[in-house]
PDB file of N, CA and C in Angstrom:
ATOM      1  N   UNK A   1      -1.594  17.176  12.157  1.00  0.00           N
ATOM      2  CA  UNK A   1      -2.330  16.032  11.667  1.00  0.00           C
ATOM      3  C   UNK A   1      -2.963  15.351  12.874  1.00  0.00           C
ATOM      4  N   UNK A   2      -4.254  15.214  12.860  1.00  0.00           N
ATOM      5  CA  UNK A   2      -4.923  14.620  14.007  1.00  0.00           C
ATOM      6  C   UNK A   2      -5.034  13.108  13.898  1.00  0.00           C
ATOM      7  N   UNK A   3      -5.339  12.606  12.716  1.00  0.00           N
ATOM      8  CA  UNK A   3      -5.444  11.159  12.530  1.00  0.00           C
ATOM      9  C   UNK A   3      -4.627  10.743  11.325  1.00  0.00           C
ATOM     10  N   UNK A   4      -4.059   9.553  11.369  1.00  0.00           N
ATOM     11  CA  UNK A   4      -3.290   9.074  10.214  1.00  0.00           C
ATOM     12  C   UNK A   4      -4.196   8.943   8.980  1.00  0.00           C
ATOM     13  N   UNK A   5      -3.701   9.322   7.809  1.00  0.00           N
ATOM     14  CA  UNK A   5      -4.506   9.253   6.584  1.00  0.00           C
ATOM     15  C   UNK A   5      -4.538   7.826   6.008  1.00  0.00           C
ATOM     16  N   UNK A   6      -5.247   6.948   6.697  1.00  0.00           N
ATOM     17  CA  UNK A   6      -5.284   5.544   6.292  1.00  0.00           C
ATOM     18  C   UNK A   6      -5.887   5.331   4.908  1.00  0.00           C
ATOM     19  N   UNK A   7      -6.670   6.293   4.418  1.00  0.00           N
ATOM     20  CA  UNK A   7      -7.240   6.147   3.083  1.00  0.00           C
ATOM     21  C   UNK A   7      -6.137   6.017   2.029  1.00  0.00           C
ATOM     22  N   UNK A   8      -4.944   6.494   2.331  1.00  0.00           N
ATOM     23  CA  UNK A   8      -3.824   6.358   1.405  1.00  0.00           C
ATOM     24  C   UNK A   8      -3.383   4.904   1.244  1.00  0.00           C
ATOM     25  N   UNK A   9      -3.725   4.049   2.211  1.00  0.00           N
ATOM     26  CA  UNK A   9      -3.267   2.658   2.185  1.00  0.00           C
ATOM     27  C   UNK A   9      -4.355   1.623   1.935  1.00  0.00           C
ATOM     28  N   UNK A  10      -5.594   2.002   2.078  1.00  0.00           N
ATOM     29  CA  UNK A  10      -6.668   0.993   2.075  1.00  0.00           C
ATOM     30  C   UNK A  10      -6.726   0.158   0.801  1.00  0.00           C
ATOM     31  N   UNK A  11      -6.589   0.753  -0.372  1.00  0.00           N
ATOM     32  CA  UNK A  11      -6.623  -0.039  -1.600  1.00  0.00           C
ATOM     33  C   UNK A  11      -5.360  -0.887  -1.759  1.00  0.00           C
ATOM     34  N   UNK A  12      -4.236  -0.372  -1.327  1.00  0.00           N
ATOM     35  CA  UNK A  12      -2.998  -1.148  -1.391  1.00  0.00           C
ATOM     36  C   UNK A  12      -3.041  -2.342  -0.445  1.00  0.00           C
ATOM     37  N   UNK A  13      -3.756  -2.208   0.648  1.00  0.00           N
ATOM     38  CA  UNK A  13      -3.847  -3.267   1.646  1.00  0.00           C
ATOM     39  C   UNK A  13      -4.864  -4.351   1.296  1.00  0.00           C
ATOM     40  N   UNK A  14      -5.614  -4.177   0.212  1.00  0.00           N
ATOM     41  CA  UNK A  14      -6.714  -5.076  -0.111  1.00  0.00           C
ATOM     42  C   UNK A  14      -6.557  -5.703  -1.496  1.00  0.00           C
ATOM     43  N   UNK A  15      -6.379  -7.018  -1.535  1.00  0.00           N
ATOM     44  CA  UNK A  15      -6.326  -7.698  -2.833  1.00  0.00           C
ATOM     45  C   UNK A  15      -7.661  -7.556  -3.556  1.00  0.00           C
ATOM     46  N   UNK A  16      -8.749  -7.606  -2.816  1.00  0.00           N
ATOM     47  CA  UNK A  16     -10.078  -7.451  -3.419  1.00  0.00           C
ATOM     48  C   UNK A  16     -10.196  -6.106  -4.140  1.00  0.00           C
ATOM     49  N   UNK A  17      -9.760  -5.044  -3.501  1.00  0.00           N
ATOM     50  CA  UNK A  17      -9.808  -3.722  -4.128  1.00  0.00           C
ATOM     51  C   UNK A  17      -8.907  -3.673  -5.355  1.00  0.00           C
ATOM     52  N   UNK A  18      -7.756  -4.315  -5.291  1.00  0.00           N
ATOM     53  CA  UNK A  18      -6.833  -4.304  -6.425  1.00  0.00           C
ATOM     54  C   UNK A  18      -7.388  -5.060  -7.619  1.00  0.00           C
ATOM     55  N   UNK A  19      -8.056  -6.170  -7.364  1.00  0.00           N
ATOM     56  CA  UNK A  19      -8.677  -6.897  -8.465  1.00  0.00           C
ATOM     57  C   UNK A  19      -9.757  -6.021  -9.092  1.00  0.00           C
ATOM     58  N   UNK A  20     -10.529  -5.373  -8.249  1.00  0.00           N
ATOM     59  CA  UNK A  20     -11.613  -4.514  -8.768  1.00  0.00           C
ATOM     60  C   UNK A  20     -11.089  -3.306  -9.525  1.00  0.00           C
ATOM     61  N   UNK A  21     -10.118  -2.586  -8.954  1.00  0.00           N
ATOM     62  CA  UNK A  21      -9.703  -1.296  -9.501  1.00  0.00           C
ATOM     63  C   UNK A  21      -8.464  -1.352 -10.394  1.00  0.00           C
ATOM     64  N   UNK A  22      -7.755  -2.472 -10.401  1.00  0.00           N
ATOM     65  CA  UNK A  22      -6.576  -2.593 -11.265  1.00  0.00           C
ATOM     66  C   UNK A  22      -6.817  -3.641 -12.354  1.00  0.00           C
ATOM     67  N   UNK A  23      -7.188  -4.848 -11.938  1.00  0.00           N
ATOM     68  CA  UNK A  23      -7.319  -5.960 -12.889  1.00  0.00           C
ATOM     69  C   UNK A  23      -8.602  -5.856 -13.713  1.00  0.00           C
ATOM     70  N   UNK A  24      -9.746  -5.691 -13.057  1.00  0.00           N
ATOM     71  CA  UNK A  24     -11.043  -5.735 -13.738  1.00  0.00           C
ATOM     72  C   UNK A  24     -11.637  -4.379 -14.082  1.00  0.00           C
ATOM     73  N   UNK A  25     -10.972  -3.314 -13.786  1.00  0.00           N
ATOM     74  CA  UNK A  25     -11.535  -1.975 -14.008  1.00  0.00           C
ATOM     75  C   UNK A  25     -11.597  -1.620 -15.487  1.00  0.00           C
ATOM     76  N   UNK A  26     -12.514  -0.743 -15.796  1.00  0.00           N
ATOM     77  CA  UNK A  26     -12.595  -0.216 -17.157  1.00  0.00           C
ATOM     78  C   UNK A  26     -11.530   0.866 -17.315  1.00  0.00           C
ATOM     79  N   UNK A  27     -11.225   1.247 -18.538  1.00  0.00           N
ATOM     80  CA  UNK A  27     -10.221   2.301 -18.741  1.00  0.00           C
ATOM     81  C   UNK A  27     -10.584   3.630 -18.075  1.00  0.00           C
ATOM     82  N   UNK A  28     -11.864   3.845 -17.808  1.00  0.00           N
ATOM     83  CA  UNK A  28     -12.289   5.091 -17.182  1.00  0.00           C
ATOM     84  C   UNK A  28     -12.224   5.083 -15.663  1.00  0.00           C
ATOM     85  N   UNK A  29     -12.037   3.919 -15.063  1.00  0.00           N
ATOM     86  CA  UNK A  29     -12.120   3.854 -13.600  1.00  0.00           C
ATOM     87  C   UNK A  29     -11.089   2.923 -12.972  1.00  0.00           C
ATOM     88  N   UNK A  30      -9.871   3.035 -13.366  1.00  0.00           N
ATOM     89  CA  UNK A  30      -8.881   2.138 -12.788  1.00  0.00           C
ATOM     90  C   UNK A  30      -7.829   2.900 -11.981  1.00  0.00           C
ATOM     91  N   UNK A  31      -7.171   2.155 -11.127  1.00  0.00           N
ATOM     92  CA  UNK A  31      -6.038   2.677 -10.373  1.00  0.00           C
ATOM     93  C   UNK A  31      -4.762   2.128 -10.981  1.00  0.00           C
ATOM     94  N   UNK A  32      -3.744   2.924 -10.981  1.00  0.00           N
ATOM     95  CA  UNK A  32      -2.437   2.453 -11.412  1.00  0.00           C
ATOM     96  C   UNK A  32      -1.668   1.938 -10.195  1.00  0.00           C
ATOM     97  N   UNK A  33      -0.971   0.837 -10.341  1.00  0.00           N
ATOM     98  CA  UNK A  33      -0.160   0.351  -9.221  1.00  0.00           C
ATOM     99  C   UNK A  33       0.816   1.418  -8.718  1.00  0.00           C
ATOM    100  N   UNK A  34       1.342   2.195  -9.636  1.00  0.00           N
ATOM    101  CA  UNK A  34       2.276   3.252  -9.246  1.00  0.00           C
ATOM    102  C   UNK A  34       1.623   4.271  -8.316  1.00  0.00           C
ATOM    103  N   UNK A  35       0.342   4.549  -8.548  1.00  0.00           N
ATOM    104  CA  UNK A  35      -0.376   5.487  -7.675  1.00  0.00           C
ATOM    105  C   UNK A  35      -0.497   4.931  -6.263  1.00  0.00           C
ATOM    106  N   UNK A  36      -0.777   3.633  -6.154  1.00  0.00           N
ATOM    107  CA  UNK A  36      -0.896   3.024  -4.830  1.00  0.00           C
ATOM    108  C   UNK A  36       0.443   3.062  -4.097  1.00  0.00           C
ATOM    109  N   UNK A  37       1.521   2.780  -4.804  1.00  0.00           N
ATOM    110  CA  UNK A  37       2.845   2.829  -4.178  1.00  0.00           C
ATOM    111  C   UNK A  37       3.205   4.257  -3.773  1.00  0.00           C
ATOM    112  N   UNK A  38       2.879   5.208  -4.606  1.00  0.00           N
ATOM    113  CA  UNK A  38       3.150   6.612  -4.287  1.00  0.00           C
ATOM    114  C   UNK A  38       2.387   7.046  -3.037  1.00  0.00           C
ATOM    115  N   UNK A  39       1.131   6.638  -2.944  1.00  0.00           N
ATOM    116  CA  UNK A  39       0.339   6.959  -1.758  1.00  0.00           C
ATOM    117  C   UNK A  39       0.942   6.324  -0.502  1.00  0.00           C
ATOM    118  N   UNK A  40       1.444   5.112  -0.634  1.00  0.00           N
ATOM    119  CA  UNK A  40       2.051   4.429   0.521  1.00  0.00           C
ATOM    120  C   UNK A  40       3.329   5.145   0.963  1.00  0.00           C
ATOM    121  N   UNK A  41       4.136   5.546   0.012  1.00  0.00           N
ATOM    122  CA  UNK A  41       5.358   6.296   0.347  1.00  0.00           C
ATOM    123  C   UNK A  41       4.979   7.593   1.052  1.00  0.00           C
ATOM    124  N   UNK A  42       3.972   8.267   0.533  1.00  0.00           N
ATOM    125  CA  UNK A  42       3.503   9.524   1.154  1.00  0.00           C
ATOM    126  C   UNK A  42       3.040   9.288   2.589  1.00  0.00           C
ATOM    127  N   UNK A  43       2.252   8.224   2.799  1.00  0.00           N
ATOM    128  CA  UNK A  43       1.785   7.896   4.141  1.00  0.00           C
ATOM    129  C   UNK A  43       2.981   7.714   5.082  1.00  0.00           C
ATOM    130  N   UNK A  44       3.956   6.927   4.668  1.00  0.00           N
ATOM    131  CA  UNK A  44       5.122   6.671   5.516  1.00  0.00           C
ATOM    132  C   UNK A  44       5.874   7.955   5.826  1.00  0.00           C
ATOM    133  N   UNK A  45       6.047   8.798   4.821  1.00  0.00           N
ATOM    134  CA  UNK A  45       6.741  10.070   5.041  1.00  0.00           C
ATOM    135  C   UNK A  45       5.988  10.947   6.037  1.00  0.00           C
ATOM    136  N   UNK A  46       4.660  11.014   5.902  1.00  0.00           N
ATOM    137  CA  UNK A  46       3.860  11.803   6.833  1.00  0.00           C
ATOM    138  C   UNK A  46       3.984  11.274   8.258  1.00  0.00           C
ATOM    139  N   UNK A  47       3.957   9.980   8.409  1.00  0.00           N
ATOM    140  CA  UNK A  47       4.025   9.391   9.755  1.00  0.00           C
ATOM    141  C   UNK A  47       5.403   9.584  10.379  1.00  0.00           C
ATOM    142  N   UNK A  48       6.440   9.552   9.575  1.00  0.00           N
ATOM    143  CA  UNK A  48       7.797   9.742  10.105  1.00  0.00           C
ATOM    144  C   UNK A  48       8.093  11.205  10.405  1.00  0.00           C
ATOM    145  N   UNK A  49       7.543  12.118   9.592  1.00  0.00           N
ATOM    146  CA  UNK A  49       7.856  13.539   9.732  1.00  0.00           C
ATOM    147  C   UNK A  49       7.149  14.195  10.909  1.00  0.00           C
ATOM    148  N   UNK A  50       5.864  14.018  11.008  1.00  0.00           N
ATOM    149  CA  UNK A  50       5.092  14.680  12.060  1.00  0.00           C
ATOM    150  C   UNK A  50       3.947  13.773  12.471  1.00  0.00           C
ATOM    151  N   UNK A  51       4.281  12.639  13.051  1.00  0.00           N
ATOM    152  CA  UNK A  51       3.205  11.697  13.371  1.00  0.00           C
ATOM    153  C   UNK A  51       2.299  12.202  14.479  1.00  0.00           C
ATOM    154  N   UNK A  52       1.034  11.831  14.392  1.00  0.00           N
ATOM    155  CA  UNK A  52       0.171  12.080  15.540  1.00  0.00           C
ATOM    156  C   UNK A  52       0.649  11.158  16.653  1.00  0.00           C
ATOM    157  N   UNK A  53       0.147  11.317  17.837  1.00  0.00           N
ATOM    158  CA  UNK A  53       0.572  10.372  18.880  1.00  0.00           C
ATOM    159  C   UNK A  53       0.244   8.942  18.449  1.00  0.00           C
ATOM    160  N   UNK A  54       1.299   8.155  18.240  1.00  0.00           N
ATOM    161  CA  UNK A  54       1.102   6.766  17.840  1.00  0.00           C
ATOM    162  C   UNK A  54       1.947   5.863  18.721  1.00  0.00           C
ATOM    163  N   UNK A  55       1.589   4.609  18.737  1.00  0.00           N
ATOM    164  CA  UNK A  55       2.303   3.647  19.574  1.00  0.00           C
ATOM    165  C   UNK A  55       3.577   3.186  18.884  1.00  0.00           C
ATOM    166  N   UNK A  56       4.439   2.561  19.643  1.00  0.00           N
ATOM    167  CA  UNK A  56       5.666   2.014  19.051  1.00  0.00           C
ATOM    168  C   UNK A  56       5.331   0.900  18.062  1.00  0.00           C
ATOM    169  N   UNK A  57       4.277   0.145  18.329  1.00  0.00           N
ATOM    170  CA  UNK A  57       3.849  -0.913  17.407  1.00  0.00           C
ATOM    171  C   UNK A  57       3.391  -0.311  16.073  1.00  0.00           C
ATOM    172  N   UNK A  58       2.688   0.796  16.135  1.00  0.00           N
ATOM    173  CA  UNK A  58       2.248   1.466  14.918  1.00  0.00           C
ATOM    174  C   UNK A  58       3.453   1.993  14.123  1.00  0.00           C
ATOM    175  N   UNK A  59       4.387   2.634  14.817  1.00  0.00           N
ATOM    176  CA  UNK A  59       5.568   3.159  14.131  1.00  0.00           C
ATOM    177  C   UNK A  59       6.409   2.027  13.554  1.00  0.00           C
ATOM    178  N   UNK A  60       6.479   0.909  14.253  1.00  0.00           N
ATOM    179  CA  UNK A  60       7.210  -0.259  13.742  1.00  0.00           C
ATOM    180  C   UNK A  60       6.569  -0.757  12.440  1.00  0.00           C
ATOM    181  N   UNK A  61       5.249  -0.789  12.383  1.00  0.00           N
ATOM    182  CA  UNK A  61       4.547  -1.218  11.164  1.00  0.00           C
ATOM    183  C   UNK A  61       4.806  -0.244  10.020  1.00  0.00           C
ATOM    184  N   UNK A  62       4.815   1.052  10.313  1.00  0.00           N
ATOM    185  CA  UNK A  62       5.109   2.061   9.293  1.00  0.00           C
ATOM    186  C   UNK A  62       6.537   1.875   8.776  1.00  0.00           C
ATOM    187  N   UNK A  63       7.470   1.671   9.665  1.00  0.00           N
ATOM    188  CA  UNK A  63       8.869   1.481   9.252  1.00  0.00           C
ATOM    189  C   UNK A  63       9.043   0.207   8.422  1.00  0.00           C
ATOM    190  N   UNK A  64       8.325  -0.857   8.777  1.00  0.00           N
ATOM    191  CA  UNK A  64       8.395  -2.101   8.011  1.00  0.00           C
ATOM    192  C   UNK A  64       7.845  -1.890   6.596  1.00  0.00           C
ATOM    193  N   UNK A  65       6.745  -1.158   6.483  1.00  0.00           N
ATOM    194  CA  UNK A  65       6.200  -0.853   5.166  1.00  0.00           C
ATOM    195  C   UNK A  65       7.193  -0.016   4.366  1.00  0.00           C
ATOM    196  N   UNK A  66       7.755   1.009   4.981  1.00  0.00           N
ATOM    197  CA  UNK A  66       8.717   1.873   4.286  1.00  0.00           C
ATOM    198  C   UNK A  66       9.929   1.069   3.814  1.00  0.00           C
ATOM    199  N   UNK A  67      10.419   0.165   4.640  1.00  0.00           N
ATOM    200  CA  UNK A  67      11.575  -0.654   4.261  1.00  0.00           C
ATOM    201  C   UNK A  67      11.236  -1.583   3.095  1.00  0.00           C
ATOM    202  N   UNK A  68      10.035  -2.134   3.110  1.00  0.00           N
ATOM    203  CA  UNK A  68       9.610  -3.010   2.017  1.00  0.00           C
ATOM    204  C   UNK A  68       9.472  -2.218   0.723  1.00  0.00           C
ATOM    205  N   UNK A  69       8.923  -1.026   0.813  1.00  0.00           N
ATOM    206  CA  UNK A  69       8.821  -0.162  -0.369  1.00  0.00           C
ATOM    207  C   UNK A  69      10.204   0.216  -0.890  1.00  0.00           C
ATOM    208  N   UNK A  70      11.100   0.569   0.020  1.00  0.00           N
ATOM    209  CA  UNK A  70      12.460   0.952  -0.375  1.00  0.00           C
ATOM    210  C   UNK A  70      13.193  -0.205  -1.052  1.00  0.00           C
ATOM    211  N   UNK A  71      12.960  -1.408  -0.564  1.00  0.00           N
ATOM    212  CA  UNK A  71      13.648  -2.572  -1.111  1.00  0.00           C
ATOM    213  C   UNK A  71      13.042  -3.134  -2.383  1.00  0.00           C
ATOM    214  N   UNK A  72      11.900  -2.609  -2.801  1.00  0.00           N
ATOM    215  CA  UNK A  72      11.190  -3.168  -3.952  1.00  0.00           C
ATOM    216  C   UNK A  72      11.868  -2.894  -5.291  1.00  0.00           C
ATOM    217  N   UNK A  73      12.608  -1.835  -5.373  1.00  0.00           N
ATOM    218  CA  UNK A  73      13.278  -1.520  -6.633  1.00  0.00           C
ATOM    219  C   UNK A  73      12.291  -1.229  -7.755  1.00  0.00           C
ATOM    220  N   UNK A  74      12.665  -1.637  -8.967  1.00  0.00           N
ATOM    221  CA  UNK A  74      11.856  -1.328 -10.146  1.00  0.00           C
ATOM    222  C   UNK A  74      11.049  -2.536 -10.628  1.00  0.00           C
ATOM    223  N   UNK A  75      10.543  -3.326  -9.707  1.00  0.00           N
ATOM    224  CA  UNK A  75       9.831  -4.548 -10.066  1.00  0.00           C
ATOM    225  C   UNK A  75       8.603  -4.283 -10.935  1.00  0.00           C
ATOM    226  N   UNK A  76       8.003  -3.112 -10.849  1.00  0.00           N
ATOM    227  CA  UNK A  76       6.816  -2.800 -11.664  1.00  0.00           C
ATOM    228  C   UNK A  76       7.133  -2.724 -13.157  1.00  0.00           C
ATOM    229  N   UNK A  77       8.385  -2.539 -13.500  1.00  0.00           N
ATOM    230  CA  UNK A  77       8.760  -2.436 -14.912  1.00  0.00           C
ATOM    231  C   UNK A  77       8.474  -3.716 -15.690  1.00  0.00           C
ATOM    232  N   UNK A  78       8.301  -4.830 -15.006  1.00  0.00           N
ATOM    233  CA  UNK A  78       8.029  -6.107 -15.680  1.00  0.00           C
ATOM    234  C   UNK A  78       6.574  -6.240 -16.120  1.00  0.00           C
ATOM    235  N   UNK A  79       5.713  -5.316 -15.714  1.00  0.00           N
ATOM    236  CA  UNK A  79       4.278  -5.475 -15.952  1.00  0.00           C
ATOM    237  C   UNK A  79       3.717  -4.351 -16.803  1.00  0.00           C
ATOM    238  N   UNK A  80       2.770  -4.723 -17.661  1.00  0.00           N
ATOM    239  CA  UNK A  80       1.976  -3.746 -18.383  1.00  0.00           C
ATOM    240  C   UNK A  80       0.514  -4.151 -18.195  1.00  0.00           C
ATOM    241  N   UNK A  81      -0.392  -3.456 -18.839  1.00  0.00           N
ATOM    242  CA  UNK A  81      -1.815  -3.749 -18.631  1.00  0.00           C
ATOM    243  C   UNK A  81      -2.170  -5.183 -19.034  1.00  0.00           C
ATOM    244  N   UNK A  82      -1.429  -5.779 -19.963  1.00  0.00           N
ATOM    245  CA  UNK A  82      -1.758  -7.137 -20.395  1.00  0.00           C
ATOM    246  C   UNK A  82      -1.352  -8.192 -19.366  1.00  0.00           C
ATOM    247  N   UNK A  83      -0.464  -7.857 -18.446  1.00  0.00           N
ATOM    248  CA  UNK A  83      -0.030  -8.830 -17.439  1.00  0.00           C
ATOM    249  C   UNK A  83      -0.286  -8.347 -16.010  1.00  0.00           C
ATOM    250  N   UNK A  84      -1.184  -7.406 -15.869  1.00  0.00           N
ATOM    251  CA  UNK A  84      -1.404  -6.780 -14.562  1.00  0.00           C
ATOM    252  C   UNK A  84      -1.976  -7.749 -13.536  1.00  0.00           C
ATOM    253  N   UNK A  85      -2.753  -8.729 -13.968  1.00  0.00           N
ATOM    254  CA  UNK A  85      -3.284  -9.698 -12.996  1.00  0.00           C
ATOM    255  C   UNK A  85      -2.156 -10.514 -12.387  1.00  0.00           C
ATOM    256  N   UNK A  86      -1.112 -10.759 -13.143  1.00  0.00           N
ATOM    257  CA  UNK A  86       0.064 -11.464 -12.621  1.00  0.00           C
ATOM    258  C   UNK A  86       0.678 -10.677 -11.469  1.00  0.00           C
ATOM    259  N   UNK A  87       0.777  -9.368 -11.631  1.00  0.00           N
ATOM    260  CA  UNK A  87       1.293  -8.513 -10.560  1.00  0.00           C
ATOM    261  C   UNK A  87       0.443  -8.635  -9.310  1.00  0.00           C
ATOM    262  N   UNK A  88      -0.845  -8.397  -9.456  1.00  0.00           N
ATOM    263  CA  UNK A  88      -1.747  -8.346  -8.308  1.00  0.00           C
ATOM    264  C   UNK A  88      -1.889  -9.702  -7.628  1.00  0.00           C
ATOM    265  N   UNK A  89      -1.964 -10.762  -8.403  1.00  0.00           N
ATOM    266  CA  UNK A  89      -2.283 -12.068  -7.842  1.00  0.00           C
ATOM    267  C   UNK A  89      -1.069 -12.938  -7.500  1.00  0.00           C
ATOM    268  N   UNK A  90       0.108 -12.678  -8.133  1.00  0.00           N
ATOM    269  CA  UNK A  90       1.209 -13.604  -7.912  1.00  0.00           C
ATOM    270  C   UNK A  90       2.583 -12.996  -7.644  1.00  0.00           C
ATOM    271  N   UNK A  91       2.759 -11.729  -7.834  1.00  0.00           N
ATOM    272  CA  UNK A  91       4.088 -11.162  -7.655  1.00  0.00           C
ATOM    273  C   UNK A  91       4.461 -11.128  -6.174  1.00  0.00           C
ATOM    274  N   UNK A  92       5.583 -11.738  -5.800  1.00  0.00           N
ATOM    275  CA  UNK A  92       5.948 -11.791  -4.377  1.00  0.00           C
ATOM    276  C   UNK A  92       6.279 -10.424  -3.774  1.00  0.00           C
ATOM    277  N   UNK A  93       6.862  -9.550  -4.550  1.00  0.00           N
ATOM    278  CA  UNK A  93       7.173  -8.212  -4.034  1.00  0.00           C
ATOM    279  C   UNK A  93       5.895  -7.436  -3.782  1.00  0.00           C
ATOM    280  N   UNK A  94       4.971  -7.472  -4.755  1.00  0.00           N
ATOM    281  CA  UNK A  94       3.690  -6.795  -4.583  1.00  0.00           C
ATOM    282  C   UNK A  94       2.944  -7.386  -3.387  1.00  0.00           C
ATOM    283  N   UNK A  95       2.969  -8.701  -3.262  1.00  0.00           N
ATOM    284  CA  UNK A  95       2.305  -9.361  -2.138  1.00  0.00           C
ATOM    285  C   UNK A  95       2.886  -8.926  -0.800  1.00  0.00           C
ATOM    286  N   UNK A  96       4.205  -8.790  -0.739  1.00  0.00           N
ATOM    287  CA  UNK A  96       4.850  -8.344   0.507  1.00  0.00           C
ATOM    288  C   UNK A  96       4.454  -6.912   0.844  1.00  0.00           C
ATOM    289  N   UNK A  97       4.400  -6.064  -0.162  1.00  0.00           N
ATOM    290  CA  UNK A  97       3.984  -4.673   0.064  1.00  0.00           C
ATOM    291  C   UNK A  97       2.534  -4.637   0.534  1.00  0.00           C
ATOM    292  N   UNK A  98       1.678  -5.422  -0.109  1.00  0.00           N
ATOM    293  CA  UNK A  98       0.265  -5.455   0.289  1.00  0.00           C
ATOM    294  C   UNK A  98       0.129  -5.940   1.737  1.00  0.00           C
ATOM    295  N   UNK A  99       0.884  -6.963   2.100  1.00  0.00           N
ATOM    296  CA  UNK A  99       0.842  -7.487   3.464  1.00  0.00           C
ATOM    297  C   UNK A  99       1.272  -6.428   4.473  1.00  0.00           C
ATOM    298  N   UNK A 100       2.353  -5.714   4.173  1.00  0.00           N
ATOM    299  CA  UNK A 100       2.831  -4.661   5.077  1.00  0.00           C
ATOM    300  C   UNK A 100       1.804  -3.536   5.190  1.00  0.00           C
ATOM    301  N   UNK A 101       1.190  -3.167   4.077  1.00  0.00           N
ATOM    302  CA  UNK A 101       0.157  -2.116   4.114  1.00  0.00           C
ATOM    303  C   UNK A 101      -1.023  -2.571   4.962  1.00  0.00           C
ATOM    304  N   UNK A 102      -1.420  -3.828   4.821  1.00  0.00           N
ATOM    305  CA  UNK A 102      -2.531  -4.363   5.621  1.00  0.00           C
ATOM    306  C   UNK A 102      -2.185  -4.369   7.106  1.00  0.00           C
ATOM    307  N   UNK A 103      -0.926  -4.657   7.435  1.00  0.00           N
ATOM    308  CA  UNK A 103      -0.503  -4.628   8.838  1.00  0.00           C
ATOM    309  C   UNK A 103      -0.611  -3.218   9.404  1.00  0.00           C
ATOM    310  N   UNK A 104      -0.225  -2.224   8.609  1.00  0.00           N
ATOM    311  CA  UNK A 104      -0.327  -0.831   9.054  1.00  0.00           C
ATOM    312  C   UNK A 104      -1.787  -0.465   9.294  1.00  0.00           C
ATOM    313  N   UNK A 105      -2.641  -0.783   8.336  1.00  0.00           N
ATOM    314  CA  UNK A 105      -4.058  -0.477   8.482  1.00  0.00           C
ATOM    315  C   UNK A 105      -4.610  -1.164   9.732  1.00  0.00           C
ATOM    316  N   UNK A 106      -4.224  -2.392   9.954  1.00  0.00           N
ATOM    317  CA  UNK A 106      -4.728  -3.150  11.121  1.00  0.00           C
ATOM    318  C   UNK A 106      -4.301  -2.510  12.442  1.00  0.00           C
ATOM    319  N   UNK A 107      -3.038  -2.132  12.562  1.00  0.00           N
ATOM    320  CA  UNK A 107      -2.584  -1.588  13.853  1.00  0.00           C
ATOM    321  C   UNK A 107      -3.114  -0.187  14.109  1.00  0.00           C
ATOM    322  N   UNK A 108      -3.533   0.521  13.045  1.00  0.00           N
ATOM    323  CA  UNK A 108      -4.091   1.857  13.227  1.00  0.00           C
ATOM    324  C   UNK A 108      -5.613   1.864  13.350  1.00  0.00           C
ATOM    325  N   UNK A 109      -6.257   0.747  13.042  1.00  0.00           N
ATOM    326  CA  UNK A 109      -7.715   0.695  13.100  1.00  0.00           C
ATOM    327  C   UNK A 109      -8.152   0.414  14.522  1.00  0.00           C
ATOM    328  N   UNK A 110      -8.980   1.291  15.093  1.00  0.00           N
ATOM    329  CA  UNK A 110      -9.441   1.068  16.465  1.00  0.00           C
ATOM    330  C   UNK A 110     -10.261  -0.214  16.572  1.00  0.00           C
ATOM    331  N   UNK A 111     -10.093  -0.873  17.672  1.00  0.00           N
ATOM    332  CA  UNK A 111     -10.882  -2.080  17.946  1.00  0.00           C
ATOM    333  C   UNK A 111     -12.282  -1.652  18.371  1.00  0.00           C
ATOM    334  N   UNK A 112     -13.315  -2.354  17.881  1.00  0.00           N
ATOM    335  CA  UNK A 112     -14.697  -1.975  18.267  1.00  0.00           C
ATOM    336  C   UNK A 112     -15.011  -2.291  19.717  1.00  0.00           C
TER     337      UNK A 112
END
């Protein structure tokens, strides 16, 4: 793996993307929260298993995201399509996961 697959985290790291693709999306073009979490778990597993050369700060961010995902439990079970905006906009667990994903994206994004 030459570069980290940040595309796996970009929608999870963005509330704007979540409102667009989860809350306001049509039935033909939406993302499931479970898909975003699955992609994040996959990203963490890839980085832990065979990471490209990364800094300790980057690995720390990956581990923090993985720990937050591990600690989340089954919080998604409280939500269905009728209450999905509550998840995206107000759920503290979802917010913590989004924050951790954004931190990972930030530490892996090269500075211009």
